[in-house]
PDB file of N, CA and C in Angstrom:
ATOM      1  N   UNK A   1     -34.445 -35.857 -64.994  1.00  0.00           N
ATOM      2  CA  UNK A   1     -33.199 -35.577 -64.976  1.00  0.00           C
ATOM      3  C   UNK A   1     -32.703 -36.599 -66.121  1.00  0.00           C
ATOM      4  N   UNK A   2     -31.318 -36.070 -66.061  1.00  0.00           N
ATOM      5  CA  UNK A   2     -30.384 -36.566 -67.428  1.00  0.00           C
ATOM      6  C   UNK A   2     -29.324 -37.681 -67.002  1.00  0.00           C
ATOM      7  N   UNK A   3     -29.597 -38.894 -66.992  1.00  0.00           N
ATOM      8  CA  UNK A   3     -28.768 -39.849 -67.286  1.00  0.00           C
ATOM      9  C   UNK A   3     -27.104 -39.673 -67.342  1.00  0.00           C
ATOM     10  N   UNK A   4     -26.353 -39.743 -66.427  1.00  0.00           N
ATOM     11  CA  UNK A   4     -24.651 -39.618 -66.878  1.00  0.00           C
ATOM     12  C   UNK A   4     -24.160 -39.806 -68.125  1.00  0.00           C
ATOM     13  N   UNK A   5     -23.573 -39.348 -69.365  1.00  0.00           N
ATOM     14  CA  UNK A   5     -23.223 -39.376 -70.311  1.00  0.00           C
ATOM     15  C   UNK A   5     -22.497 -40.815 -70.464  1.00  0.00           C
ATOM     16  N   UNK A   6     -23.231 -41.233 -71.655  1.00  0.00           N
ATOM     17  CA  UNK A   6     -22.410 -42.508 -72.343  1.00  0.00           C
ATOM     18  C   UNK A   6     -20.995 -42.359 -72.175  1.00  0.00           C
ATOM     19  N   UNK A   7     -20.280 -41.110 -72.796  1.00  0.00           N
ATOM     20  CA  UNK A   7     -18.604 -41.630 -72.666  1.00  0.00           C
ATOM     21  C   UNK A   7     -17.805 -41.737 -71.746  1.00  0.00           C
ATOM     22  N   UNK A   8     -18.838 -41.477 -70.552  1.00  0.00           N
ATOM     23  CA  UNK A   8     -18.700 -41.387 -68.993  1.00  0.00           C
ATOM     24  C   UNK A   8     -18.120 -43.001 -68.647  1.00  0.00           C
ATOM     25  N   UNK A   9     -19.267 -43.683 -69.525  1.00  0.00           N
ATOM     26  CA  UNK A   9     -19.050 -45.443 -69.522  1.00  0.00           C
ATOM     27  C   UNK A   9     -19.748 -45.465 -67.925  1.00  0.00           C
ATOM     28  N   UNK A  10     -20.958 -44.971 -67.537  1.00  0.00           N
ATOM     29  CA  UNK A  10     -21.283 -44.889 -66.595  1.00  0.00           C
ATOM     30  C   UNK A  10     -22.754 -45.382 -66.620  1.00  0.00           C
ATOM     31  N   UNK A  11     -23.627 -45.799 -65.834  1.00  0.00           N
ATOM     32  CA  UNK A  11     -25.230 -45.651 -66.253  1.00  0.00           C
ATOM     33  C   UNK A  11     -25.682 -45.795 -64.830  1.00  0.00           C
ATOM     34  N   UNK A  12     -27.005 -45.779 -64.658  1.00  0.00           N
ATOM     35  CA  UNK A  12     -27.963 -45.876 -63.453  1.00  0.00           C
ATOM     36  C   UNK A  12     -27.717 -44.707 -62.535  1.00  0.00           C
ATOM     37  N   UNK A  13     -27.097 -44.909 -61.465  1.00  0.00           N
ATOM     38  CA  UNK A  13     -27.015 -43.735 -60.385  1.00  0.00           C
ATOM     39  C   UNK A  13     -26.306 -42.798 -60.592  1.00  0.00           C
ATOM     40  N   UNK A  14     -25.488 -42.338 -61.688  1.00  0.00           N
ATOM     41  CA  UNK A  14     -25.358 -40.737 -62.064  1.00  0.00           C
ATOM     42  C   UNK A  14     -25.968 -40.037 -62.581  1.00  0.00           C
ATOM     43  N   UNK A  15     -26.392 -38.813 -61.953  1.00  0.00           N
ATOM     44  CA  UNK A  15     -27.204 -37.595 -62.535  1.00  0.00           C
ATOM     45  C   UNK A  15     -26.790 -36.102 -62.757  1.00  0.00           C
ATOM     46  N   UNK A  16     -26.849 -35.438 -63.832  1.00  0.00           N
ATOM     47  CA  UNK A  16     -26.745 -34.427 -63.984  1.00  0.00           C
ATOM     48  C   UNK A  16     -28.191 -33.747 -63.155  1.00  0.00           C
ATOM     49  N   UNK A  17     -27.548 -32.379 -62.568  1.00  0.00           N
ATOM     50  CA  UNK A  17     -29.120 -31.946 -61.682  1.00  0.00           C
ATOM     51  C   UNK A  17     -29.469 -31.171 -62.549  1.00  0.00           C
ATOM     52  N   UNK A  18     -31.330 -31.176 -62.558  1.00  0.00           N
ATOM     53  CA  UNK A  18     -32.161 -30.553 -63.564  1.00  0.00           C
ATOM     54  C   UNK A  18     -33.339 -29.909 -62.538  1.00  0.00           C
ATOM     55  N   UNK A  19     -33.377 -28.857 -62.646  1.00  0.00           N
ATOM     56  CA  UNK A  19     -34.272 -28.020 -61.760  1.00  0.00           C
ATOM     57  C   UNK A  19     -35.905 -29.147 -61.823  1.00  0.00           C
ATOM     58  N   UNK A  20     -36.308 -29.067 -61.032  1.00  0.00           N
ATOM     59  CA  UNK A  20     -37.857 -29.682 -60.654  1.00  0.00           C
ATOM     60  C   UNK A  20     -37.992 -30.891 -61.270  1.00  0.00           C
ATOM     61  N   UNK A  21     -36.935 -31.657 -61.174  1.00  0.00           N
ATOM     62  CA  UNK A  21     -36.523 -32.794 -61.397  1.00  0.00           C
ATOM     63  C   UNK A  21     -36.123 -33.699 -60.212  1.00  0.00           C
ATOM     64  N   UNK A  22     -36.222 -33.796 -58.496  1.00  0.00           N
ATOM     65  CA  UNK A  22     -35.736 -34.333 -57.890  1.00  0.00           C
ATOM     66  C   UNK A  22     -35.150 -35.556 -58.137  1.00  0.00           C
ATOM     67  N   UNK A  23     -33.885 -35.895 -57.389  1.00  0.00           N
ATOM     68  CA  UNK A  23     -33.203 -37.586 -57.684  1.00  0.00           C
ATOM     69  C   UNK A  23     -34.198 -38.444 -56.919  1.00  0.00           C
ATOM     70  N   UNK A  24     -33.495 -39.774 -56.972  1.00  0.00           N
ATOM     71  CA  UNK A  24     -34.395 -40.626 -56.005  1.00  0.00           C
ATOM     72  C   UNK A  24     -33.057 -41.287 -54.997  1.00  0.00           C
ATOM     73  N   UNK A  25     -33.622 -41.773 -54.034  1.00  0.00           N
ATOM     74  CA  UNK A  25     -33.304 -42.280 -53.555  1.00  0.00           C
ATOM     75  C   UNK A  25     -31.936 -43.021 -53.811  1.00  0.00           C
ATOM     76  N   UNK A  26     -30.703 -43.277 -53.024  1.00  0.00           N
ATOM     77  CA  UNK A  26     -29.927 -43.900 -53.763  1.00  0.00           C
ATOM     78  C   UNK A  26     -28.785 -43.079 -54.925  1.00  0.00           C
ATOM     79  N   UNK A  27     -29.782 -41.747 -55.261  1.00  0.00           N
ATOM     80  CA  UNK A  27     -28.833 -41.559 -56.340  1.00  0.00           C
ATOM     81  C   UNK A  27     -27.514 -40.450 -56.190  1.00  0.00           C
ATOM     82  N   UNK A  28     -26.678 -40.477 -56.740  1.00  0.00           N
ATOM     83  CA  UNK A  28     -25.505 -39.478 -56.716  1.00  0.00           C
ATOM     84  C   UNK A  28     -25.796 -37.973 -57.722  1.00  0.00           C
ATOM     85  N   UNK A  29     -25.696 -37.080 -57.223  1.00  0.00           N
ATOM     86  CA  UNK A  29     -26.130 -35.869 -58.291  1.00  0.00           C
ATOM     87  C   UNK A  29     -24.998 -35.250 -58.535  1.00  0.00           C
ATOM     88  N   UNK A  30     -24.252 -34.975 -59.667  1.00  0.00           N
ATOM     89  CA  UNK A  30     -23.322 -33.821 -60.193  1.00  0.00           C
ATOM     90  C   UNK A  30     -23.668 -32.786 -61.357  1.00  0.00           C
ATOM     91  N   UNK A  31     -23.476 -31.833 -61.086  1.00  0.00           N
ATOM     92  CA  UNK A  31     -23.782 -30.346 -61.739  1.00  0.00           C
ATOM     93  C   UNK A  31     -22.166 -30.537 -62.915  1.00  0.00           C
ATOM     94  N   UNK A  32     -22.534 -30.649 -64.120  1.00  0.00           N
ATOM     95  CA  UNK A  32     -21.774 -30.735 -65.370  1.00  0.00           C
ATOM     96  C   UNK A  32     -20.965 -29.177 -65.075  1.00  0.00           C
ATOM     97  N   UNK A  33     -19.824 -29.387 -65.390  1.00  0.00           N
ATOM     98  CA  UNK A  33     -19.211 -27.668 -66.112  1.00  0.00           C
ATOM     99  C   UNK A  33     -19.442 -27.558 -67.146  1.00  0.00           C
ATOM    100  N   UNK A  34     -19.695 -28.656 -68.116  1.00  0.00           N
ATOM    101  CA  UNK A  34     -20.400 -28.052 -69.316  1.00  0.00           C
ATOM    102  C   UNK A  34     -21.282 -29.211 -69.668  1.00  0.00           C
ATOM    103  N   UNK A  35     -22.337 -28.977 -70.201  1.00  0.00           N
ATOM    104  CA  UNK A  35     -23.449 -29.820 -71.014  1.00  0.00           C
ATOM    105  C   UNK A  35     -22.690 -30.824 -72.332  1.00  0.00           C
ATOM    106  N   UNK A  36     -21.774 -30.135 -73.042  1.00  0.00           N
ATOM    107  CA  UNK A  36     -20.443 -30.717 -73.613  1.00  0.00           C
ATOM    108  C   UNK A  36     -19.194 -31.563 -73.022  1.00  0.00           C
ATOM    109  N   UNK A  37     -19.807 -32.796 -72.853  1.00  0.00           N
ATOM    110  CA  UNK A  37     -18.928 -33.916 -72.213  1.00  0.00           C
ATOM    111  C   UNK A  37     -17.837 -34.372 -72.891  1.00  0.00           C
ATOM    112  N   UNK A  38     -16.383 -33.385 -72.662  1.00  0.00           N
ATOM    113  CA  UNK A  38     -15.165 -34.449 -73.046  1.00  0.00           C
ATOM    114  C   UNK A  38     -15.034 -35.268 -72.210  1.00  0.00           C
ATOM    115  N   UNK A  39     -13.775 -36.050 -72.946  1.00  0.00           N
ATOM    116  CA  UNK A  39     -13.011 -36.871 -71.470  1.00  0.00           C
ATOM    117  C   UNK A  39     -12.297 -36.507 -70.958  1.00  0.00           C
ATOM    118  N   UNK A  40     -12.768 -36.593 -69.484  1.00  0.00           N
ATOM    119  CA  UNK A  40     -11.863 -35.928 -68.441  1.00  0.00           C
ATOM    120  C   UNK A  40     -12.163 -34.687 -68.199  1.00  0.00           C
ATOM    121  N   UNK A  41     -13.734 -34.177 -68.720  1.00  0.00           N
ATOM    122  CA  UNK A  41     -14.512 -33.014 -68.551  1.00  0.00           C
ATOM    123  C   UNK A  41     -14.712 -33.138 -67.010  1.00  0.00           C
ATOM    124  N   UNK A  42     -14.408 -31.893 -65.690  1.00  0.00           N
ATOM    125  CA  UNK A  42     -14.751 -32.187 -64.544  1.00  0.00           C
ATOM    126  C   UNK A  42     -16.474 -31.831 -64.439  1.00  0.00           C
ATOM    127  N   UNK A  43     -16.569 -33.009 -63.261  1.00  0.00           N
ATOM    128  CA  UNK A  43     -18.002 -32.688 -62.645  1.00  0.00           C
ATOM    129  C   UNK A  43     -17.983 -32.266 -61.004  1.00  0.00           C
ATOM    130  N   UNK A  44     -18.935 -31.070 -60.673  1.00  0.00           N
ATOM    131  CA  UNK A  44     -18.493 -31.447 -59.078  1.00  0.00           C
ATOM    132  C   UNK A  44     -19.871 -31.337 -58.476  1.00  0.00           C
ATOM    133  N   UNK A  45     -19.511 -32.457 -57.267  1.00  0.00           N
ATOM    134  CA  UNK A  45     -20.744 -32.977 -56.274  1.00  0.00           C
ATOM    135  C   UNK A  45     -21.780 -31.712 -55.648  1.00  0.00           C
ATOM    136  N   UNK A  46     -22.652 -32.319 -56.023  1.00  0.00           N
ATOM    137  CA  UNK A  46     -23.502 -31.083 -55.326  1.00  0.00           C
ATOM    138  C   UNK A  46     -24.334 -31.354 -54.417  1.00  0.00           C
ATOM    139  N   UNK A  47     -24.862 -33.014 -54.727  1.00  0.00           N
ATOM    140  CA  UNK A  47     -25.679 -33.693 -53.587  1.00  0.00           C
ATOM    141  C   UNK A  47     -25.141 -34.543 -53.275  1.00  0.00           C
ATOM    142  N   UNK A  48     -25.787 -35.612 -52.154  1.00  0.00           N
ATOM    143  CA  UNK A  48     -25.018 -37.205 -52.515  1.00  0.00           C
ATOM    144  C   UNK A  48     -26.310 -38.053 -52.268  1.00  0.00           C
ATOM    145  N   UNK A  49     -26.576 -38.864 -51.874  1.00  0.00           N
ATOM    146  CA  UNK A  49     -27.561 -40.081 -51.217  1.00  0.00           C
ATOM    147  C   UNK A  49     -28.456 -39.500 -51.010  1.00  0.00           C
ATOM    148  N   UNK A  50     -29.831 -39.761 -51.539  1.00  0.00           N
ATOM    149  CA  UNK A  50     -30.876 -39.148 -51.291  1.00  0.00           C
ATOM    150  C   UNK A  50     -31.135 -40.029 -49.826  1.00  0.00           C
ATOM    151  N   UNK A  51     -31.424 -39.005 -48.618  1.00  0.00           N
ATOM    152  CA  UNK A  51     -31.811 -40.299 -47.342  1.00  0.00           C
ATOM    153  C   UNK A  51     -33.933 -39.704 -47.317  1.00  0.00           C
ATOM    154  N   UNK A  52     -34.648 -41.150 -47.179  1.00  0.00           N
ATOM    155  CA  UNK A  52     -35.458 -41.107 -47.156  1.00  0.00           C
ATOM    156  C   UNK A  52     -36.359 -41.215 -46.219  1.00  0.00           C
ATOM    157  N   UNK A  53     -37.190 -40.434 -45.208  1.00  0.00           N
ATOM    158  CA  UNK A  53     -37.301 -40.696 -43.781  1.00  0.00           C
ATOM    159  C   UNK A  53     -39.170 -40.913 -43.690  1.00  0.00           C
ATOM    160  N   UNK A  54     -39.799 -40.703 -42.458  1.00  0.00           N
ATOM    161  CA  UNK A  54     -41.049 -41.276 -42.357  1.00  0.00           C
ATOM    162  C   UNK A  54     -41.488 -39.891 -41.707  1.00  0.00           C
ATOM    163  N   UNK A  55     -42.201 -39.319 -41.970  1.00  0.00           N
ATOM    164  CA  UNK A  55     -42.519 -38.409 -41.570  1.00  0.00           C
ATOM    165  C   UNK A  55     -43.649 -38.407 -40.362  1.00  0.00           C
ATOM    166  N   UNK A  56     -44.238 -37.027 -39.783  1.00  0.00           N
ATOM    167  CA  UNK A  56     -45.031 -37.568 -38.740  1.00  0.00           C
ATOM    168  C   UNK A  56     -46.727 -37.888 -39.058  1.00  0.00           C
ATOM    169  N   UNK A  57     -46.728 -37.647 -40.432  1.00  0.00           N
ATOM    170  CA  UNK A  57     -47.855 -38.011 -40.938  1.00  0.00           C
ATOM    171  C   UNK A  57     -47.621 -39.587 -41.624  1.00  0.00           C
ATOM    172  N   UNK A  58     -46.445 -40.094 -41.319  1.00  0.00           N
ATOM    173  CA  UNK A  58     -46.673 -41.349 -41.828  1.00  0.00           C
ATOM    174  C   UNK A  58     -46.561 -41.277 -43.328  1.00  0.00           C
ATOM    175  N   UNK A  59     -45.616 -40.169 -44.303  1.00  0.00           N
ATOM    176  CA  UNK A  59     -45.813 -39.951 -45.349  1.00  0.00           C
ATOM    177  C   UNK A  59     -43.987 -40.485 -45.201  1.00  0.00           C
ATOM    178  N   UNK A  60     -43.519 -40.755 -46.673  1.00  0.00           N
ATOM    179  CA  UNK A  60     -42.120 -40.460 -47.020  1.00  0.00           C
ATOM    180  C   UNK A  60     -41.584 -39.406 -47.406  1.00  0.00           C
ATOM    181  N   UNK A  61     -40.320 -39.168 -46.763  1.00  0.00           N
ATOM    182  CA  UNK A  61     -40.065 -37.305 -46.883  1.00  0.00           C
ATOM    183  C   UNK A  61     -38.611 -37.710 -47.239  1.00  0.00           C
ATOM    184  N   UNK A  62     -38.237 -37.357 -48.775  1.00  0.00           N
ATOM    185  CA  UNK A  62     -37.048 -37.529 -49.202  1.00  0.00           C
ATOM    186  C   UNK A  62     -35.885 -36.006 -49.220  1.00  0.00           C
ATOM    187  N   UNK A  63     -34.880 -36.276 -48.525  1.00  0.00           N
ATOM    188  CA  UNK A  63     -33.977 -35.237 -48.439  1.00  0.00           C
ATOM    189  C   UNK A  63     -32.714 -35.723 -49.167  1.00  0.00           C
ATOM    190  N   UNK A  64     -32.119 -34.244 -49.649  1.00  0.00           N
ATOM    191  CA  UNK A  64     -30.674 -34.302 -49.877  1.00  0.00           C
ATOM    192  C   UNK A  64     -29.543 -34.554 -48.842  1.00  0.00           C
ATOM    193  N   UNK A  65     -28.689 -35.436 -48.803  1.00  0.00           N
ATOM    194  CA  UNK A  65     -28.091 -35.483 -48.345  1.00  0.00           C
ATOM    195  C   UNK A  65     -26.437 -35.133 -48.513  1.00  0.00           C
ATOM    196  N   UNK A  66     -25.749 -34.053 -47.844  1.00  0.00           N
ATOM    197  CA  UNK A  66     -24.955 -33.275 -48.825  1.00  0.00           C
ATOM    198  C   UNK A  66     -23.705 -32.622 -47.554  1.00  0.00           C
ATOM    199  N   UNK A  67     -22.392 -32.241 -47.740  1.00  0.00           N
ATOM    200  CA  UNK A  67     -21.369 -32.214 -47.029  1.00  0.00           C
ATOM    201  C   UNK A  67     -20.725 -33.912 -47.477  1.00  0.00           C
ATOM    202  N   UNK A  68     -19.551 -34.387 -46.425  1.00  0.00           N
ATOM    203  CA  UNK A  68     -18.965 -35.021 -46.815  1.00  0.00           C
ATOM    204  C   UNK A  68     -20.310 -36.662 -46.364  1.00  0.00           C
ATOM    205  N   UNK A  69     -19.631 -37.395 -47.333  1.00  0.00           N
ATOM    206  CA  UNK A  69     -20.770 -38.613 -47.832  1.00  0.00           C
ATOM    207  C   UNK A  69     -20.130 -39.550 -48.085  1.00  0.00           C
ATOM    208  N   UNK A  70     -19.369 -41.058 -47.311  1.00  0.00           N
ATOM    209  CA  UNK A  70     -19.061 -41.959 -47.980  1.00  0.00           C
ATOM    210  C   UNK A  70     -19.848 -42.854 -49.193  1.00  0.00           C
ATOM    211  N   UNK A  71     -19.282 -42.358 -50.151  1.00  0.00           N
ATOM    212  CA  UNK A  71     -20.417 -43.380 -51.127  1.00  0.00           C
ATOM    213  C   UNK A  71     -19.998 -44.928 -51.654  1.00  0.00           C
ATOM    214  N   UNK A  72     -19.283 -45.209 -50.849  1.00  0.00           N
ATOM    215  CA  UNK A  72     -19.424 -46.808 -50.814  1.00  0.00           C
ATOM    216  C   UNK A  72     -20.334 -47.623 -51.101  1.00  0.00           C
ATOM    217  N   UNK A  73     -20.488 -48.011 -52.085  1.00  0.00           N
ATOM    218  CA  UNK A  73     -21.696 -49.308 -52.865  1.00  0.00           C
ATOM    219  C   UNK A  73     -22.897 -48.695 -52.888  1.00  0.00           C
ATOM    220  N   UNK A  74     -23.079 -47.092 -53.716  1.00  0.00           N
ATOM    221  CA  UNK A  74     -23.612 -46.398 -54.343  1.00  0.00           C
ATOM    222  C   UNK A  74     -23.390 -46.412 -55.601  1.00  0.00           C
ATOM    223  N   UNK A  75     -22.122 -45.904 -56.287  1.00  0.00           N
ATOM    224  CA  UNK A  75     -21.874 -45.619 -57.233  1.00  0.00           C
ATOM    225  C   UNK A  75     -21.955 -47.174 -57.989  1.00  0.00           C
ATOM    226  N   UNK A  76     -22.934 -47.389 -58.844  1.00  0.00           N
ATOM    227  CA  UNK A  76     -23.011 -48.768 -59.794  1.00  0.00           C
ATOM    228  C   UNK A  76     -23.472 -48.241 -61.091  1.00  0.00           C
ATOM    229  N   UNK A  77     -23.025 -49.185 -61.920  1.00  0.00           N
ATOM    230  CA  UNK A  77     -23.397 -48.758 -63.769  1.00  0.00           C
ATOM    231  C   UNK A  77     -23.412 -50.040 -64.057  1.00  0.00           C
ATOM    232  N   UNK A  78     -23.277 -49.925 -65.429  1.00  0.00           N
ATOM    233  CA  UNK A  78     -23.148 -51.340 -66.101  1.00  0.00           C
ATOM    234  C   UNK A  78     -21.856 -51.298 -66.266  1.00  0.00           C
ATOM    235  N   UNK A  79     -21.495 -52.593 -65.946  1.00  0.00           N
ATOM    236  CA  UNK A  79     -20.105 -52.951 -65.819  1.00  0.00           C
ATOM    237  C   UNK A  79     -19.176 -51.804 -64.415  1.00  0.00           C
ATOM    238  N   UNK A  80     -19.725 -51.324 -63.963  1.00  0.00           N
ATOM    239  CA  UNK A  80     -18.870 -50.563 -63.168  1.00  0.00           C
ATOM    240  C   UNK A  80     -19.161 -51.335 -61.545  1.00  0.00           C
ATOM    241  N   UNK A  81     -18.128 -51.489 -60.543  1.00  0.00           N
ATOM    242  CA  UNK A  81     -18.123 -51.989 -59.674  1.00  0.00           C
ATOM    243  C   UNK A  81     -18.372 -50.661 -58.764  1.00  0.00           C
ATOM    244  N   UNK A  82     -19.528 -51.059 -57.796  1.00  0.00           N
ATOM    245  CA  UNK A  82     -19.198 -50.217 -56.559  1.00  0.00           C
ATOM    246  C   UNK A  82     -18.072 -49.272 -55.958  1.00  0.00           C
ATOM    247  N   UNK A  83     -17.853 -48.199 -55.517  1.00  0.00           N
ATOM    248  CA  UNK A  83     -16.555 -47.624 -55.058  1.00  0.00           C
ATOM    249  C   UNK A  83     -16.487 -48.159 -53.514  1.00  0.00           C
ATOM    250  N   UNK A  84     -15.431 -48.751 -53.144  1.00  0.00           N
ATOM    251  CA  UNK A  84     -15.187 -49.124 -51.837  1.00  0.00           C
ATOM    252  C   UNK A  84     -14.429 -47.873 -50.743  1.00  0.00           C
ATOM    253  N   UNK A  85     -15.194 -47.203 -49.914  1.00  0.00           N
ATOM    254  CA  UNK A  85     -14.524 -46.520 -48.961  1.00  0.00           C
ATOM    255  C   UNK A  85     -13.609 -45.227 -50.090  1.00  0.00           C
ATOM    256  N   UNK A  86     -14.531 -44.444 -50.875  1.00  0.00           N
ATOM    257  CA  UNK A  86     -14.350 -43.329 -51.759  1.00  0.00           C
ATOM    258  C   UNK A  86     -14.816 -42.185 -50.634  1.00  0.00           C
ATOM    259  N   UNK A  87     -14.525 -41.528 -50.868  1.00  0.00           N
ATOM    260  CA  UNK A  87     -14.918 -39.533 -49.784  1.00  0.00           C
ATOM    261  C   UNK A  87     -15.587 -38.690 -51.490  1.00  0.00           C
ATOM    262  N   UNK A  88     -16.019 -38.342 -51.390  1.00  0.00           N
ATOM    263  CA  UNK A  88     -16.711 -36.912 -52.078  1.00  0.00           C
ATOM    264  C   UNK A  88     -17.221 -36.034 -51.714  1.00  0.00           C
ATOM    265  N   UNK A  89     -16.286 -34.481 -51.833  1.00  0.00           N
ATOM    266  CA  UNK A  89     -17.338 -33.463 -50.673  1.00  0.00           C
ATOM    267  C   UNK A  89     -18.064 -32.973 -51.403  1.00  0.00           C
ATOM    268  N   UNK A  90     -19.448 -32.323 -50.894  1.00  0.00           N
ATOM    269  CA  UNK A  90     -20.257 -30.918 -51.508  1.00  0.00           C
ATOM    270  C   UNK A  90     -19.171 -30.020 -52.141  1.00  0.00           C
ATOM    271  N   UNK A  91     -19.625 -29.820 -53.604  1.00  0.00           N
ATOM    272  CA  UNK A  91     -18.514 -28.613 -54.287  1.00  0.00           C
ATOM    273  C   UNK A  91     -17.222 -29.560 -54.777  1.00  0.00           C
ATOM    274  N   UNK A  92     -16.588 -30.712 -54.650  1.00  0.00           N
ATOM    275  CA  UNK A  92     -15.604 -31.483 -55.229  1.00  0.00           C
ATOM    276  C   UNK A  92     -15.593 -31.678 -56.500  1.00  0.00           C
ATOM    277  N   UNK A  93     -14.595 -31.116 -57.045  1.00  0.00           N
ATOM    278  CA  UNK A  93     -14.437 -31.779 -58.723  1.00  0.00           C
ATOM    279  C   UNK A  93     -13.816 -33.226 -58.753  1.00  0.00           C
ATOM    280  N   UNK A  94     -14.578 -33.762 -60.154  1.00  0.00           N
ATOM    281  CA  UNK A  94     -13.879 -35.118 -60.038  1.00  0.00           C
ATOM    282  C   UNK A  94     -13.879 -34.798 -61.291  1.00  0.00           C
ATOM    283  N   UNK A  95     -13.227 -35.622 -62.194  1.00  0.00           N
ATOM    284  CA  UNK A  95     -13.137 -36.276 -63.733  1.00  0.00           C
ATOM    285  C   UNK A  95     -13.543 -37.733 -64.057  1.00  0.00           C
ATOM    286  N   UNK A  96     -13.599 -37.801 -65.206  1.00  0.00           N
ATOM    287  CA  UNK A  96     -14.553 -39.203 -66.019  1.00  0.00           C
ATOM    288  C   UNK A  96     -13.038 -40.329 -65.483  1.00  0.00           C
ATOM    289  N   UNK A  97     -11.897 -39.683 -65.996  1.00  0.00           N
ATOM    290  CA  UNK A  97     -10.868 -40.686 -65.786  1.00  0.00           C
ATOM    291  C   UNK A  97     -10.506 -40.886 -64.460  1.00  0.00           C
ATOM    292  N   UNK A  98     -10.409 -40.325 -63.043  1.00  0.00           N
ATOM    293  CA  UNK A  98     -10.590 -40.150 -61.785  1.00  0.00           C
ATOM    294  C   UNK A  98     -11.540 -41.053 -61.478  1.00  0.00           C
ATOM    295  N   UNK A  99     -12.918 -41.004 -62.178  1.00  0.00           N
ATOM    296  CA  UNK A  99     -14.268 -41.999 -61.446  1.00  0.00           C
ATOM    297  C   UNK A  99     -13.585 -43.379 -62.115  1.00  0.00           C
ATOM    298  N   UNK A 100     -12.738 -43.704 -62.958  1.00  0.00           N
ATOM    299  CA  UNK A 100     -12.675 -44.879 -63.532  1.00  0.00           C
ATOM    300  C   UNK A 100     -11.799 -45.570 -63.029  1.00  0.00           C
ATOM    301  N   UNK A 101     -10.718 -44.757 -62.593  1.00  0.00           N
ATOM    302  CA  UNK A 101      -9.481 -45.255 -61.515  1.00  0.00           C
ATOM    303  C   UNK A 101     -10.071 -45.804 -60.646  1.00  0.00           C
ATOM    304  N   UNK A 102     -10.945 -45.257 -59.834  1.00  0.00           N
ATOM    305  CA  UNK A 102     -11.052 -45.422 -58.117  1.00  0.00           C
ATOM    306  C   UNK A 102     -12.283 -46.760 -58.196  1.00  0.00           C
ATOM    307  N   UNK A 103     -12.996 -46.999 -59.692  1.00  0.00           N
ATOM    308  CA  UNK A 103     -13.864 -48.242 -59.894  1.00  0.00           C
ATOM    309  C   UNK A 103     -12.677 -49.305 -60.108  1.00  0.00           C
ATOM    310  N   UNK A 104     -11.924 -49.051 -60.004  1.00  0.00           N
ATOM    311  CA  UNK A 104     -10.602 -50.721 -60.600  1.00  0.00           C
ATOM    312  C   UNK A 104     -10.070 -50.716 -59.443  1.00  0.00           C
ATOM    313  N   UNK A 105      -9.967 -50.182 -58.377  1.00  0.00           N
ATOM    314  CA  UNK A 105      -9.412 -50.678 -56.936  1.00  0.00           C
ATOM    315  C   UNK A 105     -10.231 -52.260 -56.405  1.00  0.00           C
TER     316      UNK A 105
END
């Protein structure tokens, strides 16, 4: 997966979705509208935090958790506090300015 671009001033657990490279537990996955990432470019939420469960064989099974999901304490990065009580829905578009504003709460 490609880390969130530096223009967004985020690092860590925000990722672009790329085929064949599943996210890890705790990741939030975004599909960019464009791979050229200007300030304020919209991102579409396509999946949320991965849930890790133990299957019947004792192996860990990772599942995407989609739909409405509270990403409180999940969105972290260099100098970026956790979001508190922010909800994003699958398919919802957000922009970098909005994400920055939300993290200042």
